[in-house]
Each structure stands twice: as C-alpha cells, then as structure tokens.
Amino acid sequence: MDGNSLKFREKRAATRYPVALFVEFENGSGWTLDVSTSGALIETHQPVLTGSCVAFSVQISNQHADATRLYCQGVVVRVEQAGEVWRVGVFMEAVRFLAVSI
C-alpha cells in the first residue's frame, strides 16, 4: 500500500477561517488563530486540560462607536504546547452576542 492510498479523514464539521481576535478567559487571555461556526483554535499562555469546560469572550469592533461582545462556552477537544504557548481547540456549545458601547 503506497502513501497515496491512505486518505486523511477530516473530522471538522465547519470551515475554519484564519482570524486573530483577542480572547479573554476568567484566568487569562489569548488570541484566536482560526474560528468556525462550531469552534475556535486559541493560543494562550495558560495551560488548559483536554475535556475541560471553558468560557471566554471576544470583542468584535467595527468602524462605528459600537461593538459586539461574543460570549462563548465550550469543551476543550485538543491541546498542543508550542514553545511557551498553548494551542487550545474548543468545540463551542453555546454562543451569545451582546452589543456594547465603546
């Protein structure tokens, strides 16, 4: 069997989009590396355990005087250490949008 006959099976349910958004956790912060409708890959200095529940928020600004804060809750499905940072894959279970004035 040659290497071309083995096919990688994609497990992701949604397309990922590379975007850097500042993320705030209860005990720290980080940046998204990519997001989708069902999850996010976040880079942070705080170690997180696979299988743990996490809650975080992201502020999405626009050109006007208002912004939207995205509140997310999910389960950590993947953790990789990359030097001094951790890359944390989160499957989103709940998302709530809230308009805020900035």
C-alpha atoms as a PDB file:
ATOM      1  CA  MET A   1       0.000   0.000   0.000  1.00  0.00           C
ATOM      2  CA  ASP A   2       1.543   3.323  -1.014  1.00  0.00           C
ATOM      3  CA  GLY A   3       1.185   6.636   0.850  1.00  0.00           C
ATOM      4  CA  ASN A   4      -1.328   7.972  -1.688  1.00  0.00           C
ATOM      5  CA  SER A   5      -3.831   5.219  -0.973  1.00  0.00           C
ATOM      6  CA  LEU A   6      -4.276   6.321   2.629  1.00  0.00           C
ATOM      7  CA  LYS A   7      -6.625   9.256   2.884  1.00  0.00           C
ATOM      8  CA  PHE A   8      -6.895  11.557   5.855  1.00  0.00           C
ATOM      9  CA  ARG A   9     -10.465  11.823   7.063  1.00  0.00           C
ATOM     10  CA  GLU A  10     -11.464  15.375   8.020  1.00  0.00           C
ATOM     11  CA  LYS A  11     -13.353  15.452  11.337  1.00  0.00           C
ATOM     12  CA  ARG A  12     -14.211  19.150  11.368  1.00  0.00           C
ATOM     13  CA  ALA A  13     -17.869  19.940  10.821  1.00  0.00           C
ATOM     14  CA  ALA A  14     -17.354  23.530   9.655  1.00  0.00           C
ATOM     15  CA  THR A  15     -14.923  25.562   7.558  1.00  0.00           C
ATOM     16  CA  ARG A  16     -12.229  27.310   9.591  1.00  0.00           C
ATOM     17  CA  TYR A  17     -11.318  30.940   8.906  1.00  0.00           C
ATOM     18  CA  PRO A  18      -7.945  32.396   9.933  1.00  0.00           C
ATOM     19  CA  VAL A  19      -8.655  35.402  12.129  1.00  0.00           C
ATOM     20  CA  ALA A  20      -6.814  36.966  15.079  1.00  0.00           C
ATOM     21  CA  LEU A  21      -9.241  38.113  17.771  1.00  0.00           C
ATOM     22  CA  PHE A  22      -8.332  38.940  21.382  1.00  0.00           C
ATOM     23  CA  VAL A  23      -9.851  36.390  23.770  1.00  0.00           C
ATOM     24  CA  GLU A  24     -10.466  36.922  27.489  1.00  0.00           C
ATOM     25  CA  PHE A  25     -10.756  33.957  29.868  1.00  0.00           C
ATOM     26  CA  GLU A  26     -11.592  34.130  33.551  1.00  0.00           C
ATOM     27  CA  ASN A  27      -7.932  33.399  34.378  1.00  0.00           C
ATOM     28  CA  GLY A  28      -6.102  34.860  31.406  1.00  0.00           C
ATOM     29  CA  SER A  29      -6.213  35.826  27.764  1.00  0.00           C
ATOM     30  CA  GLY A  30      -5.076  34.809  24.310  1.00  0.00           C
ATOM     31  CA  TRP A  31      -5.701  35.168  20.568  1.00  0.00           C
ATOM     32  CA  THR A  32      -7.693  33.118  18.119  1.00  0.00           C
ATOM     33  CA  LEU A  33      -5.713  31.528  15.306  1.00  0.00           C
ATOM     34  CA  ASP A  34      -8.848  30.488  13.477  1.00  0.00           C
ATOM     35  CA  VAL A  35     -12.594  30.233  14.095  1.00  0.00           C
ATOM     36  CA  SER A  36     -15.569  28.405  12.626  1.00  0.00           C
ATOM     37  CA  THR A  37     -19.269  28.185  13.362  1.00  0.00           C
ATOM     38  CA  SER A  38     -18.566  25.288  15.718  1.00  0.00           C
ATOM     39  CA  GLY A  39     -15.229  26.069  17.325  1.00  0.00           C
ATOM     40  CA  ALA A  40     -12.031  28.022  17.692  1.00  0.00           C
ATOM     41  CA  LEU A  41      -8.307  27.449  17.918  1.00  0.00           C
ATOM     42  CA  ILE A  42      -6.889  29.751  20.594  1.00  0.00           C
ATOM     43  CA  GLU A  43      -3.281  30.486  21.503  1.00  0.00           C
ATOM     44  CA  THR A  44      -2.710  31.312  25.178  1.00  0.00           C
ATOM     45  CA  HIS A  45      -0.040  31.248  27.879  1.00  0.00           C
ATOM     46  CA  GLN A  46      -2.389  29.404  30.266  1.00  0.00           C
ATOM     47  CA  PRO A  47      -2.292  25.587  30.136  1.00  0.00           C
ATOM     48  CA  VAL A  48      -5.748  24.044  29.698  1.00  0.00           C
ATOM     49  CA  LEU A  49      -6.773  20.398  30.063  1.00  0.00           C
ATOM     50  CA  THR A  50      -8.399  18.429  27.260  1.00  0.00           C
ATOM     51  CA  GLY A  51     -12.015  17.699  28.196  1.00  0.00           C
ATOM     52  CA  SER A  52     -12.374  20.731  30.436  1.00  0.00           C
ATOM     53  CA  CYS A  53     -15.151  23.298  30.006  1.00  0.00           C
ATOM     54  CA  VAL A  54     -14.055  26.825  29.168  1.00  0.00           C
ATOM     55  CA  ALA A  55     -15.817  30.158  28.934  1.00  0.00           C
ATOM     56  CA  PHE A  56     -14.356  33.138  27.124  1.00  0.00           C
ATOM     57  CA  SER A  57     -15.352  36.377  25.437  1.00  0.00           C
ATOM     58  CA  VAL A  58     -14.242  38.155  22.286  1.00  0.00           C
ATOM     59  CA  GLN A  59     -14.889  41.811  21.457  1.00  0.00           C
ATOM     60  CA  ILE A  60     -15.562  42.422  17.787  1.00  0.00           C
ATOM     61  CA  SER A  61     -15.304  46.117  16.891  1.00  0.00           C
ATOM     62  CA  ASN A  62     -16.494  47.870  13.763  1.00  0.00           C
ATOM     63  CA  GLN A  63     -15.874  51.327  12.274  1.00  0.00           C
ATOM     64  CA  HIS A  64     -18.672  52.893  14.325  1.00  0.00           C
ATOM     65  CA  ALA A  65     -18.848  53.697  18.030  1.00  0.00           C
ATOM     66  CA  ASP A  66     -20.371  50.346  18.946  1.00  0.00           C
ATOM     67  CA  ALA A  67     -19.065  46.801  19.134  1.00  0.00           C
ATOM     68  CA  THR A  68     -20.313  43.322  19.786  1.00  0.00           C
ATOM     69  CA  ARG A  69     -19.007  41.083  22.529  1.00  0.00           C
ATOM     70  CA  LEU A  70     -19.226  37.394  21.789  1.00  0.00           C
ATOM     71  CA  TYR A  71     -19.575  35.151  24.858  1.00  0.00           C
ATOM     72  CA  CYS A  72     -18.642  31.515  24.250  1.00  0.00           C
ATOM     73  CA  GLN A  73     -18.745  28.338  26.256  1.00  0.00           C
ATOM     74  CA  GLY A  74     -17.298  25.068  25.072  1.00  0.00           C
ATOM     75  CA  VAL A  75     -15.263  21.953  25.639  1.00  0.00           C
ATOM     76  CA  VAL A  76     -11.527  21.694  25.046  1.00  0.00           C
ATOM     77  CA  VAL A  77     -11.043  18.990  22.416  1.00  0.00           C
ATOM     78  CA  ARG A  78      -7.333  19.475  21.666  1.00  0.00           C
ATOM     79  CA  VAL A  79      -4.294  20.958  23.418  1.00  0.00           C
ATOM     80  CA  GLU A  80      -0.800  21.344  21.929  1.00  0.00           C
ATOM     81  CA  GLN A  81       2.175  23.039  23.550  1.00  0.00           C
ATOM     82  CA  ALA A  82       4.161  25.186  21.105  1.00  0.00           C
ATOM     83  CA  GLY A  83       7.142  26.608  22.940  1.00  0.00           C
ATOM     84  CA  GLU A  84       5.885  28.932  25.657  1.00  0.00           C
ATOM     85  CA  VAL A  85       2.283  28.985  24.435  1.00  0.00           C
ATOM     86  CA  TRP A  86      -0.579  26.510  24.299  1.00  0.00           C
ATOM     87  CA  ARG A  87      -2.836  25.995  21.287  1.00  0.00           C
ATOM     88  CA  VAL A  88      -6.286  25.083  22.519  1.00  0.00           C
ATOM     89  CA  GLY A  89      -9.023  23.703  20.267  1.00  0.00           C
ATOM     90  CA  VAL A  90     -12.502  24.446  21.614  1.00  0.00           C
ATOM     91  CA  PHE A  91     -15.774  22.929  20.416  1.00  0.00           C
ATOM     92  CA  MET A  92     -18.412  25.618  21.074  1.00  0.00           C
ATOM     93  CA  GLU A  93     -21.521  24.523  22.916  1.00  0.00           C
ATOM     94  CA  ALA A  94     -23.042  27.943  23.473  1.00  0.00           C
ATOM     95  CA  VAL A  95     -22.534  31.375  21.921  1.00  0.00           C
ATOM     96  CA  ARG A  96     -24.222  34.640  22.911  1.00  0.00           C
ATOM     97  CA  PHE A  97     -23.856  38.050  21.271  1.00  0.00           C
ATOM     98  CA  LEU A  98     -24.175  41.300  23.245  1.00  0.00           C
ATOM     99  CA  ALA A  99     -23.932  44.833  21.808  1.00  0.00           C
ATOM    100  CA  VAL A 100     -21.665  47.098  23.866  1.00  0.00           C
ATOM    101  CA  SER A 101     -20.698  50.762  23.686  1.00  0.00           C
ATOM    102  CA  ILE A 102     -17.017  51.540  23.432  1.00  0.00           C
END
